[in-house]
Amino acid sequence: ILFEGLHSCFYLDHPALKNRKKIVRLHNIEWDYYLQSSYSESIFWKKIYFKRESSLLKLFEAKLQNADLLLSISPKDFEYYQQTFSDIVKYLPVFHPHNEVNISKGKGEYALYHGNLQINENIQAALFLLNEVVPKTKIPWKIAGKNPGKEISAACLKQRVDLVENPSDELMTDLISNAQLNVIPSFQDTGIKLKLLNALYRGRFCIVNPPMIDQNGLGSLCSIATNASEFASKINDLADHEFSDYLISDRREILSKKFNNVLNAKHLIELIKQL
């Protein structure tokens, strides 16, 4: 039986499942994700909600001892869960929509930030770029995502940034592919960020900060900045560079080893056979 995420594990210790093989796909260190979400939340009652959920999830984690196999989604999560659950924890990279690298050579005409703009982490990242980075750069910008609020809309208008609201999957793919730079800061070092994988499989240059690539093996494929000045400097430096065949080949080689859906599916099958 496969349980998808900690939130689905209510019946993990049910007596009726005692003799069944149980696998849990862990999406994050959930209590840590909720705790970090509380730090970025400005509304008081939501901050309290996230902190309370974090405490409850940390207690609920004890149920995982009833699983036969725990599959962590990142090396950092693997190290955390292995401390408590030891041999039943295995690292299995995230599955994603891409089976091959498909990147356009040459240059794009804009820098892009994309994400669900209803989530506080992404709102914080977008406003950081709009208020502290965009004014220091020379390249046009686009911000794309789901349901942007008034603060982001106002900041885009002030900085003359093109805001793409609720793009379709097809349009989002085009935005990522046609950008010169995918700029993706994060202020929560939890799990694996699928939007980074999307950008690496479809986009040209990627500029991130350390929490975005913490222990996920993708740092060598990105330019890394730690503050607004470094982001602006790297953006201005890469704005006129062409994305070459060599860079595409390097991207393909690393991603095919670390995030290959076929190889990871075969690994999952072997882990199930060993139960």
Protein backbone atom coordinates (compact mmCIF):
# COMPACT_ATOMS: atom_id res chain seq x y z
CA ILE A 1 0.00 0.00 0.00
CA LEU A 2 1.38 3.40 -0.97
CA PHE A 3 0.72 6.43 1.25
CA GLU A 4 1.37 9.69 -0.59
CA GLY A 5 2.70 12.21 1.95
CA LEU A 6 2.55 12.31 5.73
CA HIS A 7 -0.95 13.78 5.63
CA SER A 8 -2.32 10.53 4.19
CA CYS A 9 -0.94 8.34 7.00
CA PHE A 10 -3.86 8.35 9.46
CA TYR A 11 -4.48 4.62 8.91
CA LEU A 12 -0.81 3.63 8.70
CA ASP A 13 -0.99 1.87 12.09
CA HIS A 14 -4.49 0.41 11.62
CA PRO A 15 -4.71 -3.26 12.75
CA ALA A 16 -6.34 -4.24 9.44
CA LEU A 17 -3.09 -3.28 7.67
CA LYS A 18 -0.77 -5.11 10.06
CA ASN A 19 0.23 -7.78 7.55
CA ARG A 20 0.32 -5.50 4.49
CA LYS A 21 3.49 -3.96 3.05
CA LYS A 22 3.25 -0.20 3.55
CA ILE A 23 5.29 2.44 1.70
CA VAL A 24 5.19 6.17 2.49
CA ARG A 25 6.36 8.71 -0.10
CA LEU A 26 7.54 11.64 2.03
CA HIS A 27 7.11 15.02 0.32
CA ASN A 28 8.92 17.19 2.87
CA ILE A 29 9.84 17.33 6.51
CA GLU A 30 6.29 18.54 6.97
CA TRP A 31 6.58 20.02 10.47
CA ASP A 32 9.62 22.04 9.33
CA TYR A 33 7.79 23.24 6.19
CA TYR A 34 4.88 24.52 8.30
CA LEU A 35 7.24 26.11 10.83
CA GLN A 36 9.11 27.98 8.09
CA SER A 37 5.77 28.98 6.57
CA SER A 38 4.87 30.59 9.91
CA TYR A 39 8.00 32.76 9.72
CA SER A 40 6.99 34.21 6.34
CA GLU A 41 3.34 34.73 7.32
CA SER A 42 2.35 38.29 8.27
CA ILE A 43 -1.26 37.61 9.32
CA PHE A 44 -1.26 36.76 13.04
CA TRP A 45 -3.92 34.04 13.09
CA LYS A 46 -2.33 32.29 10.10
CA LYS A 47 1.06 32.42 11.80
CA ILE A 48 -0.45 30.73 14.86
CA TYR A 49 -2.14 28.13 12.64
CA PHE A 50 1.12 27.18 10.92
CA LYS A 51 2.98 26.91 14.23
CA ARG A 52 0.26 24.72 15.74
CA GLU A 53 0.17 22.48 12.66
CA SER A 54 3.96 22.20 12.84
CA SER A 55 3.77 20.95 16.44
CA LEU A 56 1.03 18.44 15.60
CA LEU A 57 2.87 17.14 12.54
CA LYS A 58 6.05 16.63 14.52
CA LEU A 59 4.12 14.43 16.99
CA PHE A 60 2.31 12.65 14.14
CA GLU A 61 5.64 11.63 12.58
CA ALA A 62 5.87 8.79 15.11
CA LYS A 63 3.30 6.91 12.99
CA LEU A 64 5.95 6.41 10.33
CA GLN A 65 7.53 3.63 12.39
CA ASN A 66 4.64 1.44 11.18
CA ALA A 67 5.81 1.67 7.55
CA ASP A 68 7.97 -0.92 5.82
CA LEU A 69 9.61 1.65 3.55
CA LEU A 70 9.97 5.44 3.69
CA LEU A 71 10.96 7.22 0.48
CA SER A 72 12.47 10.68 1.06
CA ILE A 73 12.37 13.27 -1.71
CA SER A 74 15.72 14.99 -1.05
CA PRO A 75 19.10 14.09 0.46
CA LYS A 76 18.49 16.53 3.32
CA ASP A 77 15.17 14.85 4.17
CA PHE A 78 16.86 11.45 3.92
CA GLU A 79 19.45 12.42 6.52
CA TYR A 80 16.75 13.73 8.87
CA TYR A 81 14.47 10.68 8.68
CA GLN A 82 17.35 8.20 8.82
CA GLN A 83 18.25 9.48 12.29
CA THR A 84 14.91 8.18 13.60
CA PHE A 85 13.82 5.41 11.24
CA SER A 86 17.22 4.08 10.11
CA ASP A 87 17.18 1.26 7.52
CA ILE A 88 13.60 1.68 6.30
CA VAL A 89 14.46 5.11 4.83
CA LYS A 90 15.65 5.36 1.21
CA TYR A 91 16.29 8.36 -1.02
CA LEU A 92 14.27 8.41 -4.25
CA PRO A 93 14.46 11.62 -6.32
CA VAL A 94 11.25 13.36 -7.26
CA PHE A 95 9.38 12.26 -10.39
CA HIS A 96 8.65 15.12 -12.77
CA PRO A 97 7.03 15.79 -16.19
CA HIS A 98 10.27 15.89 -18.21
CA ASN A 99 11.84 12.91 -19.96
CA GLU A 100 14.50 14.91 -21.79
CA VAL A 101 16.24 18.26 -21.71
CA ASN A 102 14.73 20.60 -24.31
CA ILE A 103 16.47 23.98 -24.25
CA SER A 104 16.71 26.63 -26.96
CA LYS A 105 20.23 27.81 -27.77
CA GLY A 106 21.12 31.46 -28.04
CA LYS A 107 19.61 34.34 -26.11
CA GLY A 108 16.27 35.30 -24.64
CA GLU A 109 15.00 38.80 -24.09
CA TYR A 110 13.83 38.86 -20.46
CA ALA A 111 14.33 37.59 -16.93
CA LEU A 112 11.53 35.50 -15.43
CA TYR A 113 10.30 34.64 -11.96
CA HIS A 114 7.43 32.14 -11.80
CA GLY A 115 5.48 30.39 -9.05
CA ASN A 116 2.15 30.11 -7.28
CA LEU A 117 1.71 33.70 -6.17
CA GLN A 118 -0.82 32.77 -3.49
CA ILE A 119 1.86 31.07 -1.37
CA ASN A 120 3.70 33.27 1.11
CA GLU A 121 7.12 31.87 0.24
CA ASN A 122 6.60 32.82 -3.42
CA ILE A 123 5.07 36.20 -2.57
CA GLN A 124 8.13 36.97 -0.46
CA ALA A 125 10.47 35.92 -3.28
CA ALA A 126 8.59 37.91 -5.92
CA LEU A 127 8.53 41.08 -3.80
CA PHE A 128 12.22 40.68 -2.98
CA LEU A 129 13.00 40.64 -6.69
CA LEU A 130 10.60 43.46 -7.57
CA ASN A 131 11.70 45.81 -4.80
CA GLU A 132 15.40 45.01 -4.40
CA VAL A 133 16.71 43.40 -7.60
CA VAL A 134 14.71 44.60 -10.62
CA PRO A 135 15.67 48.30 -10.17
CA LYS A 136 19.37 47.32 -10.37
CA THR A 137 19.11 45.31 -13.62
CA LYS A 138 19.09 46.28 -17.28
CA ILE A 139 17.05 43.41 -18.75
CA PRO A 140 13.21 43.42 -19.08
CA TRP A 141 11.33 41.27 -16.54
CA LYS A 142 8.26 39.06 -16.41
CA ILE A 143 6.56 37.73 -13.27
CA ALA A 144 4.21 34.80 -13.92
CA GLY A 145 1.99 32.82 -11.60
CA LYS A 146 -1.32 31.94 -10.05
CA ASN A 147 -3.58 34.62 -8.53
CA PRO A 148 -1.11 37.44 -7.76
CA GLY A 149 -2.32 39.78 -5.03
CA LYS A 150 -2.56 43.57 -5.02
CA GLU A 151 0.93 44.05 -3.55
CA ILE A 152 2.62 42.15 -6.37
CA SER A 153 0.43 43.82 -9.00
CA ALA A 154 1.31 47.25 -7.63
CA ALA A 155 5.02 46.46 -7.48
CA CYS A 156 4.98 45.19 -11.09
CA LEU A 157 3.23 48.35 -12.23
CA LYS A 158 5.73 50.53 -10.36
CA GLN A 159 8.76 48.71 -11.81
CA ARG A 160 7.21 48.35 -15.31
CA VAL A 161 7.37 44.57 -15.07
CA ASP A 162 5.09 42.43 -17.23
CA LEU A 163 2.77 40.45 -14.91
CA VAL A 164 1.38 37.25 -16.45
CA GLU A 165 -1.59 36.15 -14.36
CA ASN A 166 -2.74 32.51 -14.24
CA PRO A 167 -0.81 31.32 -17.30
CA SER A 168 -1.79 27.99 -18.84
CA ASP A 169 0.73 25.14 -18.65
CA GLU A 170 1.56 25.72 -22.30
CA LEU A 171 2.13 29.44 -21.81
CA MET A 172 4.24 28.84 -18.68
CA THR A 173 6.43 26.41 -20.63
CA ASP A 174 6.88 29.03 -23.36
CA LEU A 175 7.75 31.70 -20.78
CA ILE A 176 10.40 29.47 -19.20
CA SER A 177 11.81 28.38 -22.56
CA ASN A 178 12.01 31.86 -24.08
CA ALA A 179 13.52 33.61 -21.05
CA GLN A 180 17.19 34.51 -21.00
CA LEU A 181 17.24 34.04 -17.23
CA ASN A 182 15.04 32.09 -14.83
CA VAL A 183 15.59 33.81 -11.49
CA ILE A 184 14.35 31.65 -8.63
CA PRO A 185 15.16 32.70 -5.06
CA SER A 186 13.65 30.79 -2.15
CA PHE A 187 13.51 31.60 1.54
CA GLN A 188 12.62 28.05 2.65
CA ASP A 189 15.16 25.24 2.28
CA THR A 190 12.55 22.48 2.35
CA GLY A 191 12.14 19.55 -0.03
CA ILE A 192 12.89 19.88 -3.74
CA LYS A 193 11.60 22.78 -5.79
CA LEU A 194 9.86 21.48 -8.93
CA LYS A 195 9.99 24.92 -10.52
CA LEU A 196 13.78 24.70 -10.47
CA LEU A 197 13.65 21.36 -12.30
CA ASN A 198 11.20 22.86 -14.82
CA ALA A 199 13.61 25.73 -15.43
CA LEU A 200 16.63 23.43 -15.77
CA TYR A 201 14.89 21.10 -18.24
CA ARG A 202 13.34 23.87 -20.36
CA GLY A 203 15.10 27.16 -19.64
CA ARG A 204 18.44 28.82 -20.23
CA PHE A 205 20.42 30.35 -17.36
CA CYS A 206 19.13 29.80 -13.82
CA ILE A 207 20.05 32.10 -10.95
CA VAL A 208 19.16 30.91 -7.44
CA ASN A 209 20.10 31.39 -3.80
CA PRO A 210 21.52 28.64 -1.52
CA PRO A 211 18.18 27.42 -0.04
CA MET A 212 17.00 26.57 -3.56
CA ILE A 213 19.82 24.09 -4.20
CA ASP A 214 20.63 22.87 -0.66
CA GLN A 215 22.04 19.32 -1.01
CA ASN A 216 20.00 18.52 -4.13
CA GLY A 217 22.97 18.18 -6.47
CA LEU A 218 21.82 20.96 -8.82
CA GLY A 219 24.13 23.73 -7.68
CA SER A 220 26.63 23.16 -10.51
CA LEU A 221 23.90 23.92 -13.07
CA CYS A 222 22.98 27.28 -11.55
CA SER A 223 24.50 30.65 -10.78
CA ILE A 224 24.21 31.23 -7.05
CA ALA A 225 23.57 34.57 -5.34
CA THR A 226 23.12 35.29 -1.64
CA ASN A 227 21.70 38.82 -1.62
CA ALA A 228 20.05 41.43 -3.84
CA SER A 229 23.32 42.94 -5.06
CA GLU A 230 24.69 39.55 -6.08
CA PHE A 231 21.45 38.68 -7.88
CA ALA A 232 21.57 41.95 -9.82
CA SER A 233 25.26 41.53 -10.67
CA LYS A 234 24.81 37.98 -12.01
CA ILE A 235 21.67 38.94 -13.93
CA ASN A 236 23.45 41.86 -15.61
CA ASP A 237 26.47 39.67 -16.39
CA LEU A 238 24.43 36.84 -17.98
CA ALA A 239 21.92 39.06 -19.78
CA ASP A 240 24.08 39.18 -22.93
CA HIS A 241 25.51 35.63 -22.86
CA GLU A 242 24.39 32.98 -25.32
CA PHE A 243 23.34 29.57 -24.04
CA SER A 244 25.59 27.14 -25.91
CA ASP A 245 25.51 23.52 -27.01
CA TYR A 246 28.13 22.80 -24.34
CA LEU A 247 25.90 24.15 -21.59
CA ILE A 248 22.94 22.14 -22.88
CA SER A 249 25.10 18.99 -22.97
CA ASP A 250 26.30 19.58 -19.42
CA ARG A 251 22.71 20.11 -18.25
CA ARG A 252 21.59 16.91 -20.01
CA GLU A 253 24.41 14.81 -18.54
CA ILE A 254 23.80 15.79 -14.92
CA LEU A 255 20.00 15.68 -15.02
CA SER A 256 19.96 12.30 -16.78
CA LYS A 257 21.91 10.82 -13.89
CA LYS A 258 20.21 12.46 -10.92
CA PHE A 259 16.60 12.96 -12.04
CA ASN A 260 16.02 10.30 -14.68
CA ASN A 261 12.39 9.15 -14.36
CA VAL A 262 13.03 5.77 -15.99
CA LEU A 263 16.05 4.90 -13.82
CA ASN A 264 14.30 6.09 -10.67
CA ALA A 265 11.20 4.03 -11.52
CA LYS A 266 13.39 0.95 -11.92
CA HIS A 267 15.00 1.71 -8.56
CA LEU A 268 11.56 1.97 -6.98
CA ILE A 269 10.58 -1.42 -8.42
CA GLU A 270 13.73 -2.98 -6.93
CA LEU A 271 13.00 -1.45 -3.52
CA ILE A 272 9.46 -2.87 -3.60
CA LYS A 273 10.76 -6.32 -4.57
CA GLN A 274 13.05 -6.30 -1.53
CA LEU A 275 10.17 -5.85 0.94
